[in-house]
Amino acid sequence: MAGLPRTALENAAHREALARLLDGGDRAVQTWEIVASDFLSPPELWEAQQVFARFGEVQVWAWGGFPQAERQRLAIAAGNCPWTKPWCL
């Protein structure tokens, strides 16, 4: 399996964070498990959501400790996963 395309890293402002998230996306697709990221800053989160929106293989949701949290985590699941939202949100 080839995994999610790494071409998204070429012009990324937050390459390290995005590389970790793409690895998590690969794991979510392979194992059908929901993968949770570390807490992301607002710019990292925005960039990740823009990148993952282009992929049909995965779906993502942002959440934090409370609704207005500045730093949030990203839940990554396989795109054909039967859930509409992870149970943890």
PDB file of N, CA and C in Angstrom:
ATOM      1  N   MET A   1       0.836  -1.186   0.000  1.00  0.00           N
ATOM      2  CA  MET A   1       0.000   0.000   0.000  1.00  0.00           C
ATOM      3  C   MET A   1       0.879   1.246   0.000  1.00  0.00           C
ATOM      4  N   ALA A   2       0.551   2.183  -0.837  1.00  0.00           N
ATOM      5  CA  ALA A   2       1.380   3.367  -1.016  1.00  0.00           C
ATOM      6  C   ALA A   2       1.219   4.375   0.113  1.00  0.00           C
ATOM      7  N   GLY A   3       0.068   4.468   0.710  1.00  0.00           N
ATOM      8  CA  GLY A   3      -0.159   5.447   1.764  1.00  0.00           C
ATOM      9  C   GLY A   3      -0.608   6.786   1.203  1.00  0.00           C
ATOM     10  N   LEU A   4      -0.797   7.715   2.104  1.00  0.00           N
ATOM     11  CA  LEU A   4      -1.224   9.059   1.712  1.00  0.00           C
ATOM     12  C   LEU A   4      -0.053   9.767   1.029  1.00  0.00           C
ATOM     13  N   PRO A   5      -0.329  10.568   0.001  1.00  0.00           N
ATOM     14  CA  PRO A   5       0.756  11.221  -0.741  1.00  0.00           C
ATOM     15  C   PRO A   5       1.514  12.241   0.106  1.00  0.00           C
ATOM     16  N   ARG A   6       2.831  12.160   0.034  1.00  0.00           N
ATOM     17  CA  ARG A   6       3.690  13.083   0.787  1.00  0.00           C
ATOM     18  C   ARG A   6       3.978  14.369   0.022  1.00  0.00           C
ATOM     19  N   THR A   7       3.390  14.511  -1.159  1.00  0.00           N
ATOM     20  CA  THR A   7       3.586  15.748  -1.921  1.00  0.00           C
ATOM     21  C   THR A   7       3.009  16.947  -1.166  1.00  0.00           C
ATOM     22  N   ALA A   8       2.097  16.689  -0.235  1.00  0.00           N
ATOM     23  CA  ALA A   8       1.513  17.768   0.565  1.00  0.00           C
ATOM     24  C   ALA A   8       2.564  18.452   1.429  1.00  0.00           C
ATOM     25  N   LEU A   9       3.685  17.789   1.671  1.00  0.00           N
ATOM     26  CA  LEU A   9       4.730  18.365   2.519  1.00  0.00           C
ATOM     27  C   LEU A   9       5.608  19.377   1.785  1.00  0.00           C
ATOM     28  N   GLU A  10       5.555  19.377   0.460  1.00  0.00           N
ATOM     29  CA  GLU A  10       6.462  20.211  -0.326  1.00  0.00           C
ATOM     30  C   GLU A  10       6.341  21.693   0.004  1.00  0.00           C
ATOM     31  N   ASN A  11       5.143  22.207   0.113  1.00  0.00           N
ATOM     32  CA  ASN A  11       4.945  23.632   0.385  1.00  0.00           C
ATOM     33  C   ASN A  11       4.353  23.877   1.766  1.00  0.00           C
ATOM     34  N   ALA A  12       4.434  22.893   2.638  1.00  0.00           N
ATOM     35  CA  ALA A  12       3.809  23.007   3.960  1.00  0.00           C
ATOM     36  C   ALA A  12       4.610  23.931   4.876  1.00  0.00           C
ATOM     37  N   ALA A  13       3.905  24.727   5.621  1.00  0.00           N
ATOM     38  CA  ALA A  13       4.543  25.608   6.596  1.00  0.00           C
ATOM     39  C   ALA A  13       4.912  24.847   7.868  1.00  0.00           C
ATOM     40  N   HIS A  14       4.185  23.778   8.157  1.00  0.00           N
ATOM     41  CA  HIS A  14       4.383  22.998   9.377  1.00  0.00           C
ATOM     42  C   HIS A  14       4.682  21.548   8.999  1.00  0.00           C
ATOM     43  N   ARG A  15       5.825  21.343   8.352  1.00  0.00           N
ATOM     44  CA  ARG A  15       6.171  20.037   7.781  1.00  0.00           C
ATOM     45  C   ARG A  15       6.241  18.916   8.811  1.00  0.00           C
ATOM     46  N   GLU A  16       6.874  19.175   9.950  1.00  0.00           N
ATOM     47  CA  GLU A  16       7.028  18.115  10.953  1.00  0.00           C
ATOM     48  C   GLU A  16       5.672  17.639  11.469  1.00  0.00           C
ATOM     49  N   ALA A  17       4.827  18.581  11.833  1.00  0.00           N
ATOM     50  CA  ALA A  17       3.502  18.217  12.344  1.00  0.00           C
ATOM     51  C   ALA A  17       2.692  17.504  11.270  1.00  0.00           C
ATOM     52  N   LEU A  18       2.755  17.998  10.056  1.00  0.00           N
ATOM     53  CA  LEU A  18       1.991  17.396   8.964  1.00  0.00           C
ATOM     54  C   LEU A  18       2.514  16.000   8.624  1.00  0.00           C
ATOM     55  N   ALA A  19       3.812  15.807   8.683  1.00  0.00           N
ATOM     56  CA  ALA A  19       4.385  14.475   8.426  1.00  0.00           C
ATOM     57  C   ALA A  19       3.885  13.472   9.460  1.00  0.00           C
ATOM     58  N   ARG A  20       3.844  13.872  10.736  1.00  0.00           N
ATOM     59  CA  ARG A  20       3.317  12.980  11.790  1.00  0.00           C
ATOM     60  C   ARG A  20       1.846  12.663  11.547  1.00  0.00           C
ATOM     61  N   LEU A  21       1.077  13.672  11.124  1.00  0.00           N
ATOM     62  CA  LEU A  21      -0.345  13.462  10.870  1.00  0.00           C
ATOM     63  C   LEU A  21      -0.572  12.545   9.670  1.00  0.00           C
ATOM     64  N   LEU A  22       0.247  12.684   8.627  1.00  0.00           N
ATOM     65  CA  LEU A  22       0.123  11.796   7.474  1.00  0.00           C
ATOM     66  C   LEU A  22       0.460  10.359   7.858  1.00  0.00           C
ATOM     67  N   ASP A  23       1.464  10.183   8.717  1.00  0.00           N
ATOM     68  CA  ASP A  23       1.777   8.839   9.223  1.00  0.00           C
ATOM     69  C   ASP A  23       0.584   8.279   9.998  1.00  0.00           C
ATOM     70  N   GLY A  24      -0.044   9.123  10.806  1.00  0.00           N
ATOM     71  CA  GLY A  24      -1.243   8.706  11.535  1.00  0.00           C
ATOM     72  C   GLY A  24      -2.384   8.364  10.595  1.00  0.00           C
ATOM     73  N   GLY A  25      -2.519   9.115   9.519  1.00  0.00           N
ATOM     74  CA  GLY A  25      -3.539   8.820   8.513  1.00  0.00           C
ATOM     75  C   GLY A  25      -3.300   7.476   7.855  1.00  0.00           C
ATOM     76  N   ASP A  26      -2.043   7.182   7.550  1.00  0.00           N
ATOM     77  CA  ASP A  26      -1.705   5.869   6.984  1.00  0.00           C
ATOM     78  C   ASP A  26      -2.093   4.752   7.952  1.00  0.00           C
ATOM     79  N   ARG A  27      -1.773   4.957   9.230  1.00  0.00           N
ATOM     80  CA  ARG A  27      -2.104   3.949  10.249  1.00  0.00           C
ATOM     81  C   ARG A  27      -3.620   3.768  10.372  1.00  0.00           C
ATOM     82  N   ALA A  28      -4.367   4.863  10.314  1.00  0.00           N
ATOM     83  CA  ALA A  28      -5.830   4.785  10.418  1.00  0.00           C
ATOM     84  C   ALA A  28      -6.420   3.996   9.256  1.00  0.00           C
ATOM     85  N   VAL A  29      -5.900   4.207   8.056  1.00  0.00           N
ATOM     86  CA  VAL A  29      -6.399   3.495   6.880  1.00  0.00           C
ATOM     87  C   VAL A  29      -6.059   2.010   6.963  1.00  0.00           C
ATOM     88  N   GLN A  30      -4.849   1.692   7.420  1.00  0.00           N
ATOM     89  CA  GLN A  30      -4.401   0.301   7.473  1.00  0.00           C
ATOM     90  C   GLN A  30      -5.087  -0.504   8.573  1.00  0.00           C
ATOM     91  N   THR A  31      -5.340   0.123   9.724  1.00  0.00           N
ATOM     92  CA  THR A  31      -5.841  -0.620  10.887  1.00  0.00           C
ATOM     93  C   THR A  31      -7.320  -0.392  11.191  1.00  0.00           C
ATOM     94  N   TRP A  32      -7.933   0.585  10.549  1.00  0.00           N
ATOM     95  CA  TRP A  32      -9.328   0.965  10.828  1.00  0.00           C
ATOM     96  C   TRP A  32      -9.508   1.469  12.254  1.00  0.00           C
ATOM     97  N   GLU A  33      -8.452   1.951  12.853  1.00  0.00           N
ATOM     98  CA  GLU A  33      -8.525   2.539  14.187  1.00  0.00           C
ATOM     99  C   GLU A  33      -8.562   4.050  14.055  1.00  0.00           C
ATOM    100  N   ILE A  34      -9.167   4.709  15.016  1.00  0.00           N
ATOM    101  CA  ILE A  34      -9.127   6.165  15.053  1.00  0.00           C
ATOM    102  C   ILE A  34      -7.805   6.561  15.685  1.00  0.00           C
ATOM    103  N   VAL A  35      -7.063   7.402  15.007  1.00  0.00           N
ATOM    104  CA  VAL A  35      -5.762   7.858  15.482  1.00  0.00           C
ATOM    105  C   VAL A  35      -5.909   9.295  15.968  1.00  0.00           C
ATOM    106  N   ALA A  36      -5.423   9.574  17.169  1.00  0.00           N
ATOM    107  CA  ALA A  36      -5.491  10.927  17.730  1.00  0.00           C
ATOM    108  C   ALA A  36      -4.113  11.575  17.676  1.00  0.00           C
ATOM    109  N   SER A  37      -4.071  12.810  17.244  1.00  0.00           N
ATOM    110  CA  SER A  37      -2.814  13.546  17.176  1.00  0.00           C
ATOM    111  C   SER A  37      -2.478  14.130  18.540  1.00  0.00           C
ATOM    112  N   ASP A  38      -1.299  14.727  18.610  1.00  0.00           N
ATOM    113  CA  ASP A  38      -0.964  15.568  19.750  1.00  0.00           C
ATOM    114  C   ASP A  38      -1.788  16.847  19.623  1.00  0.00           C
ATOM    115  N   PHE A  39      -1.711  17.716  20.624  1.00  0.00           N
ATOM    116  CA  PHE A  39      -2.395  19.002  20.516  1.00  0.00           C
ATOM    117  C   PHE A  39      -1.684  19.843  19.463  1.00  0.00           C
ATOM    118  N   LEU A  40      -2.473  20.469  18.609  1.00  0.00           N
ATOM    119  CA  LEU A  40      -1.955  21.270  17.498  1.00  0.00           C
ATOM    120  C   LEU A  40      -2.290  22.736  17.704  1.00  0.00           C
ATOM    121  N   SER A  41      -1.392  23.601  17.282  1.00  0.00           N
ATOM    122  CA  SER A  41      -1.665  25.043  17.321  1.00  0.00           C
ATOM    123  C   SER A  41      -2.704  25.355  16.241  1.00  0.00           C
ATOM    124  N   PRO A  42      -3.375  26.498  16.335  1.00  0.00           N
ATOM    125  CA  PRO A  42      -4.369  26.847  15.309  1.00  0.00           C
ATOM    126  C   PRO A  42      -3.811  26.832  13.875  1.00  0.00           C
ATOM    127  N   PRO A  43      -2.599  27.372  13.610  1.00  0.00           N
ATOM    128  CA  PRO A  43      -2.097  27.295  12.227  1.00  0.00           C
ATOM    129  C   PRO A  43      -1.819  25.859  11.776  1.00  0.00           C
ATOM    130  N   GLU A  44      -1.297  25.010  12.659  1.00  0.00           N
ATOM    131  CA  GLU A  44      -1.055  23.606  12.311  1.00  0.00           C
ATOM    132  C   GLU A  44      -2.369  22.898  12.012  1.00  0.00           C
ATOM    133  N   LEU A  45      -3.366  23.150  12.845  1.00  0.00           N
ATOM    134  CA  LEU A  45      -4.669  22.524  12.678  1.00  0.00           C
ATOM    135  C   LEU A  45      -5.314  22.952  11.361  1.00  0.00           C
ATOM    136  N   TRP A  46      -5.258  24.243  11.062  1.00  0.00           N
ATOM    137  CA  TRP A  46      -5.844  24.746   9.826  1.00  0.00           C
ATOM    138  C   TRP A  46      -5.173  24.113   8.616  1.00  0.00           C
ATOM    139  N   GLU A  47      -3.842  24.074   8.610  1.00  0.00           N
ATOM    140  CA  GLU A  47      -3.129  23.498   7.478  1.00  0.00           C
ATOM    141  C   GLU A  47      -3.446  22.008   7.327  1.00  0.00           C
ATOM    142  N   ALA A  48      -3.500  21.290   8.434  1.00  0.00           N
ATOM    143  CA  ALA A  48      -3.814  19.860   8.385  1.00  0.00           C
ATOM    144  C   ALA A  48      -5.216  19.626   7.830  1.00  0.00           C
ATOM    145  N   GLN A  49      -6.187  20.418   8.255  1.00  0.00           N
ATOM    146  CA  GLN A  49      -7.545  20.253   7.753  1.00  0.00           C
ATOM    147  C   GLN A  49      -7.615  20.535   6.255  1.00  0.00           C
ATOM    148  N   GLN A  50      -6.845  21.517   5.773  1.00  0.00           N
ATOM    149  CA  GLN A  50      -6.820  21.812   4.347  1.00  0.00           C
ATOM    150  C   GLN A  50      -6.225  20.649   3.558  1.00  0.00           C
ATOM    151  N   VAL A  51      -5.170  20.058   4.074  1.00  0.00           N
ATOM    152  CA  VAL A  51      -4.511  18.943   3.389  1.00  0.00           C
ATOM    153  C   VAL A  51      -5.407  17.707   3.398  1.00  0.00           C
ATOM    154  N   PHE A  52      -5.941  17.344   4.556  1.00  0.00           N
ATOM    155  CA  PHE A  52      -6.749  16.128   4.657  1.00  0.00           C
ATOM    156  C   PHE A  52      -8.073  16.244   3.904  1.00  0.00           C
ATOM    157  N   ALA A  53      -8.548  17.453   3.661  1.00  0.00           N
ATOM    158  CA  ALA A  53      -9.792  17.634   2.905  1.00  0.00           C
ATOM    159  C   ALA A  53      -9.648  17.131   1.469  1.00  0.00           C
ATOM    160  N   ARG A  54      -8.419  17.046   0.978  1.00  0.00           N
ATOM    161  CA  ARG A  54      -8.172  16.569  -0.383  1.00  0.00           C
ATOM    162  C   ARG A  54      -8.146  15.045  -0.498  1.00  0.00           C
ATOM    163  N   PHE A  55      -8.109  14.358   0.628  1.00  0.00           N
ATOM    164  CA  PHE A  55      -7.976  12.901   0.619  1.00  0.00           C
ATOM    165  C   PHE A  55      -9.311  12.239   0.926  1.00  0.00           C
ATOM    166  N   GLY A  56      -9.762  11.356   0.068  1.00  0.00           N
ATOM    167  CA  GLY A  56     -10.983  10.599   0.332  1.00  0.00           C
ATOM    168  C   GLY A  56     -10.732   9.394   1.219  1.00  0.00           C
ATOM    169  N   GLU A  57      -9.453   9.039   1.390  1.00  0.00           N
ATOM    170  CA  GLU A  57      -9.109   7.853   2.170  1.00  0.00           C
ATOM    171  C   GLU A  57      -9.301   8.044   3.662  1.00  0.00           C
ATOM    172  N   VAL A  58      -9.333   9.297   4.108  1.00  0.00           N
ATOM    173  CA  VAL A  58      -9.426   9.582   5.544  1.00  0.00           C
ATOM    174  C   VAL A  58     -10.452  10.679   5.809  1.00  0.00           C
ATOM    175  N   GLN A  59     -10.933  10.700   7.040  1.00  0.00           N
ATOM    176  CA  GLN A  59     -11.780  11.788   7.513  1.00  0.00           C
ATOM    177  C   GLN A  59     -11.199  12.257   8.841  1.00  0.00           C
ATOM    178  N   VAL A  60     -11.311  13.544   9.129  1.00  0.00           N
ATOM    179  CA  VAL A  60     -10.709  14.098  10.342  1.00  0.00           C
ATOM    180  C   VAL A  60     -11.719  14.964  11.091  1.00  0.00           C
ATOM    181  N   TRP A  61     -11.514  15.035  12.403  1.00  0.00           N
ATOM    182  CA  TRP A  61     -12.309  15.902  13.274  1.00  0.00           C
ATOM    183  C   TRP A  61     -11.373  16.557  14.263  1.00  0.00           C
ATOM    184  N   ALA A  62     -11.601  17.825  14.555  1.00  0.00           N
ATOM    185  CA  ALA A  62     -10.816  18.548  15.553  1.00  0.00           C
ATOM    186  C   ALA A  62     -11.611  18.615  16.844  1.00  0.00           C
ATOM    187  N   TRP A  63     -10.907  18.447  17.955  1.00  0.00           N
ATOM    188  CA  TRP A  63     -11.552  18.611  19.255  1.00  0.00           C
ATOM    189  C   TRP A  63     -10.490  18.965  20.282  1.00  0.00           C
ATOM    190  N   GLY A  64     -10.925  19.566  21.366  1.00  0.00           N
ATOM    191  CA  GLY A  64     -10.005  19.953  22.443  1.00  0.00           C
ATOM    192  C   GLY A  64     -10.608  19.597  23.779  1.00  0.00           C
ATOM    193  N   GLY A  65     -10.003  20.108  24.826  1.00  0.00           N
ATOM    194  CA  GLY A  65     -10.484  19.824  26.163  1.00  0.00           C
ATOM    195  C   GLY A  65     -11.834  20.472  26.445  1.00  0.00           C
ATOM    196  N   PHE A  66     -12.120  21.569  25.779  1.00  0.00           N
ATOM    197  CA  PHE A  66     -13.401  22.244  25.901  1.00  0.00           C
ATOM    198  C   PHE A  66     -13.692  22.921  24.568  1.00  0.00           C
ATOM    199  N   PRO A  67     -14.938  23.304  24.289  1.00  0.00           N
ATOM    200  CA  PRO A  67     -15.314  23.774  22.953  1.00  0.00           C
ATOM    201  C   PRO A  67     -14.484  24.944  22.409  1.00  0.00           C
ATOM    202  N   GLN A  68     -14.059  25.866  23.252  1.00  0.00           N
ATOM    203  CA  GLN A  68     -13.322  27.027  22.765  1.00  0.00           C
ATOM    204  C   GLN A  68     -11.808  26.882  22.926  1.00  0.00           C
ATOM    205  N   ALA A  69     -11.320  25.688  23.114  1.00  0.00           N
ATOM    206  CA  ALA A  69      -9.885  25.475  23.312  1.00  0.00           C
ATOM    207  C   ALA A  69      -9.104  25.969  22.099  1.00  0.00           C
ATOM    208  N   GLU A  70      -8.006  26.675  22.354  1.00  0.00           N
ATOM    209  CA  GLU A  70      -7.198  27.189  21.245  1.00  0.00           C
ATOM    210  C   GLU A  70      -6.433  26.049  20.577  1.00  0.00           C
ATOM    211  N   ARG A  71      -5.764  25.238  21.375  1.00  0.00           N
ATOM    212  CA  ARG A  71      -5.033  24.095  20.833  1.00  0.00           C
ATOM    213  C   ARG A  71      -5.962  22.889  20.863  1.00  0.00           C
ATOM    214  N   GLN A  72      -6.038  22.213  19.741  1.00  0.00           N
ATOM    215  CA  GLN A  72      -6.941  21.071  19.634  1.00  0.00           C
ATOM    216  C   GLN A  72      -6.200  19.872  19.060  1.00  0.00           C
ATOM    217  N   ARG A  73      -6.799  18.702  19.257  1.00  0.00           N
ATOM    218  CA  ARG A  73      -6.262  17.474  18.687  1.00  0.00           C
ATOM    219  C   ARG A  73      -7.047  17.159  17.423  1.00  0.00           C
ATOM    220  N   LEU A  74      -6.466  16.315  16.586  1.00  0.00           N
ATOM    221  CA  LEU A  74      -7.123  15.894  15.364  1.00  0.00           C
ATOM    222  C   LEU A  74      -7.351  14.393  15.449  1.00  0.00           C
ATOM    223  N   ALA A  75      -8.583  13.965  15.277  1.00  0.00           N
ATOM    224  CA  ALA A  75      -8.911  12.541  15.190  1.00  0.00           C
ATOM    225  C   ALA A  75      -8.922  12.180  13.709  1.00  0.00           C
ATOM    226  N   ILE A  76      -8.226  11.097  13.360  1.00  0.00           N
ATOM    227  CA  ILE A  76      -8.103  10.672  11.969  1.00  0.00           C
ATOM    228  C   ILE A  76      -8.662   9.263  11.855  1.00  0.00           C
ATOM    229  N   ALA A  77      -9.599   9.061  10.935  1.00  0.00           N
ATOM    230  CA  ALA A  77     -10.205   7.749  10.715  1.00  0.00           C
ATOM    231  C   ALA A  77     -10.222   7.435   9.228  1.00  0.00           C
ATOM    232  N   ALA A  78     -10.337   6.165   8.911  1.00  0.00           N
ATOM    233  CA  ALA A  78     -10.451   5.749   7.511  1.00  0.00           C
ATOM    234  C   ALA A  78     -11.681   6.404   6.898  1.00  0.00           C
ATOM    235  N   GLY A  79     -11.593   6.787   5.637  1.00  0.00           N
ATOM    236  CA  GLY A  79     -12.681   7.490   4.962  1.00  0.00           C
ATOM    237  C   GLY A  79     -13.943   6.669   4.836  1.00  0.00           C
ATOM    238  N   ASN A  80     -13.800   5.363   4.735  1.00  0.00           N
ATOM    239  CA  ASN A  80     -14.974   4.496   4.612  1.00  0.00           C
ATOM    240  C   ASN A  80     -15.382   3.898   5.949  1.00  0.00           C
ATOM    241  N   CYS A  81     -14.924   4.511   7.013  1.00  0.00           N
ATOM    242  CA  CYS A  81     -15.275   4.103   8.369  1.00  0.00           C
ATOM    243  C   CYS A  81     -16.774   4.375   8.590  1.00  0.00           C
ATOM    244  N   PRO A  82     -17.493   3.465   9.237  1.00  0.00           N
ATOM    245  CA  PRO A  82     -18.943   3.651   9.370  1.00  0.00           C
ATOM    246  C   PRO A  82     -19.368   4.745  10.344  1.00  0.00           C
ATOM    247  N   TRP A  83     -18.467   5.311  11.125  1.00  0.00           N
ATOM    248  CA  TRP A  83     -18.842   6.338  12.098  1.00  0.00           C
ATOM    249  C   TRP A  83     -18.965   7.685  11.433  1.00  0.00           C
ATOM    250  N   THR A  84     -19.878   8.483  11.920  1.00  0.00           N
ATOM    251  CA  THR A  84     -19.962   9.856  11.446  1.00  0.00           C
ATOM    252  C   THR A  84     -19.101  10.761  12.301  1.00  0.00           C
ATOM    253  N   LYS A  85     -18.881  10.380  13.546  1.00  0.00           N
ATOM    254  CA  LYS A  85     -17.966  11.090  14.428  1.00  0.00           C
ATOM    255  C   LYS A  85     -17.385  10.057  15.394  1.00  0.00           C
ATOM    256  N   PRO A  86     -16.123  10.211  15.760  1.00  0.00           N
ATOM    257  CA  PRO A  86     -15.554   9.282  16.727  1.00  0.00           C
ATOM    258  C   PRO A  86     -16.285   9.367  18.059  1.00  0.00           C
ATOM    259  N   TRP A  87     -16.332   8.269  18.772  1.00  0.00           N
ATOM    260  CA  TRP A  87     -17.006   8.200  20.067  1.00  0.00           C
ATOM    261  C   TRP A  87     -16.372   9.140  21.076  1.00  0.00           C
ATOM    262  N   CYS A  88     -15.115   9.502  20.869  1.00  0.00           N
ATOM    263  CA  CYS A  88     -14.412  10.305  21.859  1.00  0.00           C
ATOM    264  C   CYS A  88     -14.741  11.790  21.765  1.00  0.00           C
ATOM    265  N   LEU A  89     -15.524  12.200  20.777  1.00  0.00           N
ATOM    266  CA  LEU A  89     -15.818  13.632  20.639  1.00  0.00           C
ATOM    267  C   LEU A  89     -17.099  13.994  21.323  1.00  0.00           C
TER     268      LEU A  89
END
